Amino acid sequence: MEETLTVHRLRMPAPLRRTLASTNVIESAFSIVERVCQNVKRWRAGDHLERWVGSGLLVAERQFRKVQGYREIPALLTALAHATSKKGVADDLKVA
């Protein structure tokens, strides 16, 4: 909930706000990784886990679509930089 309010507080345009307020992309990617990794029968070492997760994310990447409102990402970066500057962080702490 806090993340959604942050997107609104940064005054993002509606298409970009709609994309950033949804967790569907993350959930979809993780479900594909889970599906790919469930077929693995032998885990030899920790680096094999990283390889299989990476492989699953490459499979998931094929299904990703363009972020709606992507042209507004520079404005988002500017707003985030302002919000996380020392002055912005101090203001946020006073409100909280």
C-alpha atoms as a PDB file:
ATOM      1  CA  MET A   1       0.000   0.000   0.000  1.00  0.00           C
ATOM      2  CA  GLU A   2       2.816   2.387   0.835  1.00  0.00           C
ATOM      3  CA  GLU A   3       4.383   1.861  -2.605  1.00  0.00           C
ATOM      4  CA  THR A   4       1.092   2.739  -4.294  1.00  0.00           C
ATOM      5  CA  LEU A   5       0.840   5.921  -2.250  1.00  0.00           C
ATOM      6  CA  THR A   6       4.427   6.787  -3.175  1.00  0.00           C
ATOM      7  CA  VAL A   7       3.581   6.512  -6.873  1.00  0.00           C
ATOM      8  CA  HIS A   8       0.664   8.905  -6.303  1.00  0.00           C
ATOM      9  CA  ARG A   9       2.763  11.267  -4.175  1.00  0.00           C
ATOM     10  CA  LEU A  10       5.333  11.537  -6.976  1.00  0.00           C
ATOM     11  CA  ARG A  11       2.484  12.671  -9.284  1.00  0.00           C
ATOM     12  CA  MET A  12       3.240  10.208 -12.053  1.00  0.00           C
ATOM     13  CA  PRO A  13       1.098  10.260 -15.215  1.00  0.00           C
ATOM     14  CA  ALA A  14      -1.759   7.740 -15.224  1.00  0.00           C
ATOM     15  CA  PRO A  15      -0.300   5.155 -17.686  1.00  0.00           C
ATOM     16  CA  LEU A  16       3.022   4.940 -15.840  1.00  0.00           C
ATOM     17  CA  ARG A  17       1.266   4.962 -12.470  1.00  0.00           C
ATOM     18  CA  ARG A  18      -0.952   2.066 -13.555  1.00  0.00           C
ATOM     19  CA  THR A  19       2.085   0.037 -14.627  1.00  0.00           C
ATOM     20  CA  LEU A  20       4.113   0.750 -11.485  1.00  0.00           C
ATOM     21  CA  ALA A  21       1.228   0.146  -9.095  1.00  0.00           C
ATOM     22  CA  SER A  22       0.738  -3.411 -10.364  1.00  0.00           C
ATOM     23  CA  THR A  23       2.729  -6.438  -9.249  1.00  0.00           C
ATOM     24  CA  ASN A  24       1.521  -8.598 -12.143  1.00  0.00           C
ATOM     25  CA  VAL A  25       4.838  -8.404 -14.005  1.00  0.00           C
ATOM     26  CA  ILE A  26       6.805  -9.630 -11.001  1.00  0.00           C
ATOM     27  CA  GLU A  27       4.316 -12.370 -10.152  1.00  0.00           C
ATOM     28  CA  SER A  28       4.249 -13.566 -13.757  1.00  0.00           C
ATOM     29  CA  ALA A  29       8.041 -13.701 -13.975  1.00  0.00           C
ATOM     30  CA  PHE A  30       8.334 -15.599 -10.698  1.00  0.00           C
ATOM     31  CA  SER A  31       5.682 -18.130 -11.716  1.00  0.00           C
ATOM     32  CA  ILE A  32       7.617 -18.854 -14.922  1.00  0.00           C
ATOM     33  CA  VAL A  33      10.865 -19.242 -12.947  1.00  0.00           C
ATOM     34  CA  GLU A  34       9.067 -21.615 -10.584  1.00  0.00           C
ATOM     35  CA  ARG A  35       7.760 -23.657 -13.516  1.00  0.00           C
ATOM     36  CA  VAL A  36      11.240 -23.896 -15.082  1.00  0.00           C
ATOM     37  CA  CYS A  37      12.920 -24.805 -11.787  1.00  0.00           C
ATOM     38  CA  GLN A  38      10.407 -27.477 -10.772  1.00  0.00           C
ATOM     39  CA  ASN A  39      11.757 -29.719 -13.528  1.00  0.00           C
ATOM     40  CA  VAL A  40      15.273 -29.672 -12.080  1.00  0.00           C
ATOM     41  CA  LYS A  41      16.042 -32.981 -10.395  1.00  0.00           C
ATOM     42  CA  ARG A  42      19.583 -32.418  -9.107  1.00  0.00           C
ATOM     43  CA  TRP A  43      20.919 -29.265  -7.532  1.00  0.00           C
ATOM     44  CA  ARG A  44      24.696 -29.670  -7.408  1.00  0.00           C
ATOM     45  CA  ALA A  45      25.776 -26.328  -6.025  1.00  0.00           C
ATOM     46  CA  GLY A  46      24.510 -22.851  -5.262  1.00  0.00           C
ATOM     47  CA  ASP A  47      25.623 -21.524  -8.618  1.00  0.00           C
ATOM     48  CA  HIS A  48      23.301 -24.012 -10.341  1.00  0.00           C
ATOM     49  CA  LEU A  49      20.380 -22.355  -8.598  1.00  0.00           C
ATOM     50  CA  GLU A  50      21.459 -18.996 -10.003  1.00  0.00           C
ATOM     51  CA  ARG A  51      21.780 -20.496 -13.484  1.00  0.00           C
ATOM     52  CA  TRP A  52      18.299 -22.020 -13.411  1.00  0.00           C
ATOM     53  CA  VAL A  53      16.723 -18.836 -12.078  1.00  0.00           C
ATOM     54  CA  GLY A  54      18.530 -16.859 -14.772  1.00  0.00           C
ATOM     55  CA  SER A  55      17.315 -19.310 -17.380  1.00  0.00           C
ATOM     56  CA  GLY A  56      13.757 -18.961 -16.100  1.00  0.00           C
ATOM     57  CA  LEU A  57      13.972 -15.174 -16.248  1.00  0.00           C
ATOM     58  CA  LEU A  58      15.194 -15.367 -19.849  1.00  0.00           C
ATOM     59  CA  VAL A  59      12.150 -17.487 -20.684  1.00  0.00           C
ATOM     60  CA  ALA A  60       9.904 -14.992 -18.876  1.00  0.00           C
ATOM     61  CA  GLU A  61      11.528 -12.064 -20.687  1.00  0.00           C
ATOM     62  CA  ARG A  62       9.996 -13.220 -23.974  1.00  0.00           C
ATOM     63  CA  GLN A  63       6.548 -12.513 -22.549  1.00  0.00           C
ATOM     64  CA  PHE A  64       7.277  -9.035 -21.200  1.00  0.00           C
ATOM     65  CA  ARG A  65       5.613  -6.103 -22.891  1.00  0.00           C
ATOM     66  CA  LYS A  66       6.598  -2.483 -23.171  1.00  0.00           C
ATOM     67  CA  VAL A  67       5.943  -0.421 -20.051  1.00  0.00           C
ATOM     68  CA  GLN A  68       2.986   1.877 -20.621  1.00  0.00           C
ATOM     69  CA  GLY A  69       4.029   5.469 -20.107  1.00  0.00           C
ATOM     70  CA  TYR A  70       7.709   4.629 -20.618  1.00  0.00           C
ATOM     71  CA  ARG A  71       8.342   8.100 -22.041  1.00  0.00           C
ATOM     72  CA  GLU A  72       7.701   9.489 -18.545  1.00  0.00           C
ATOM     73  CA  ILE A  73      10.499   7.454 -16.916  1.00  0.00           C
ATOM     74  CA  PRO A  74      12.951  10.416 -16.998  1.00  0.00           C
ATOM     75  CA  ALA A  75      10.382  12.448 -15.023  1.00  0.00           C
ATOM     76  CA  LEU A  76      10.099   9.545 -12.575  1.00  0.00           C
ATOM     77  CA  LEU A  77      13.879   9.461 -12.118  1.00  0.00           C
ATOM     78  CA  THR A  78      13.920  13.206 -11.476  1.00  0.00           C
ATOM     79  CA  ALA A  79      11.088  12.918  -8.941  1.00  0.00           C
ATOM     80  CA  LEU A  80      12.838  10.014  -7.205  1.00  0.00           C
ATOM     81  CA  ALA A  81      16.130  11.908  -7.081  1.00  0.00           C
ATOM     82  CA  HIS A  82      14.376  14.885  -5.528  1.00  0.00           C
ATOM     83  CA  ALA A  83      12.482  12.709  -3.041  1.00  0.00           C
ATOM     84  CA  THR A  84      15.620  10.867  -1.959  1.00  0.00           C
ATOM     85  CA  SER A  85      17.854  13.901  -1.689  1.00  0.00           C
ATOM     86  CA  LYS A  86      18.831  14.834   1.853  1.00  0.00           C
ATOM     87  CA  LYS A  87      16.252  17.596   1.934  1.00  0.00           C
ATOM     88  CA  GLY A  88      13.508  15.304   0.598  1.00  0.00           C
ATOM     89  CA  VAL A  89      14.354  12.515   3.039  1.00  0.00           C
ATOM     90  CA  ALA A  90      14.379  14.951   5.963  1.00  0.00           C
ATOM     91  CA  ASP A  91      10.944  16.272   4.945  1.00  0.00           C
ATOM     92  CA  ASP A  92       9.578  12.730   4.689  1.00  0.00           C
ATOM     93  CA  LEU A  93      10.918  11.859   8.132  1.00  0.00           C
ATOM     94  CA  LYS A  94       9.193  14.877   9.676  1.00  0.00           C
ATOM     95  CA  VAL A  95       5.854  13.824   8.176  1.00  0.00           C
ATOM     96  CA  ALA A  96       6.237  10.212   9.316  1.00  0.00           C
END
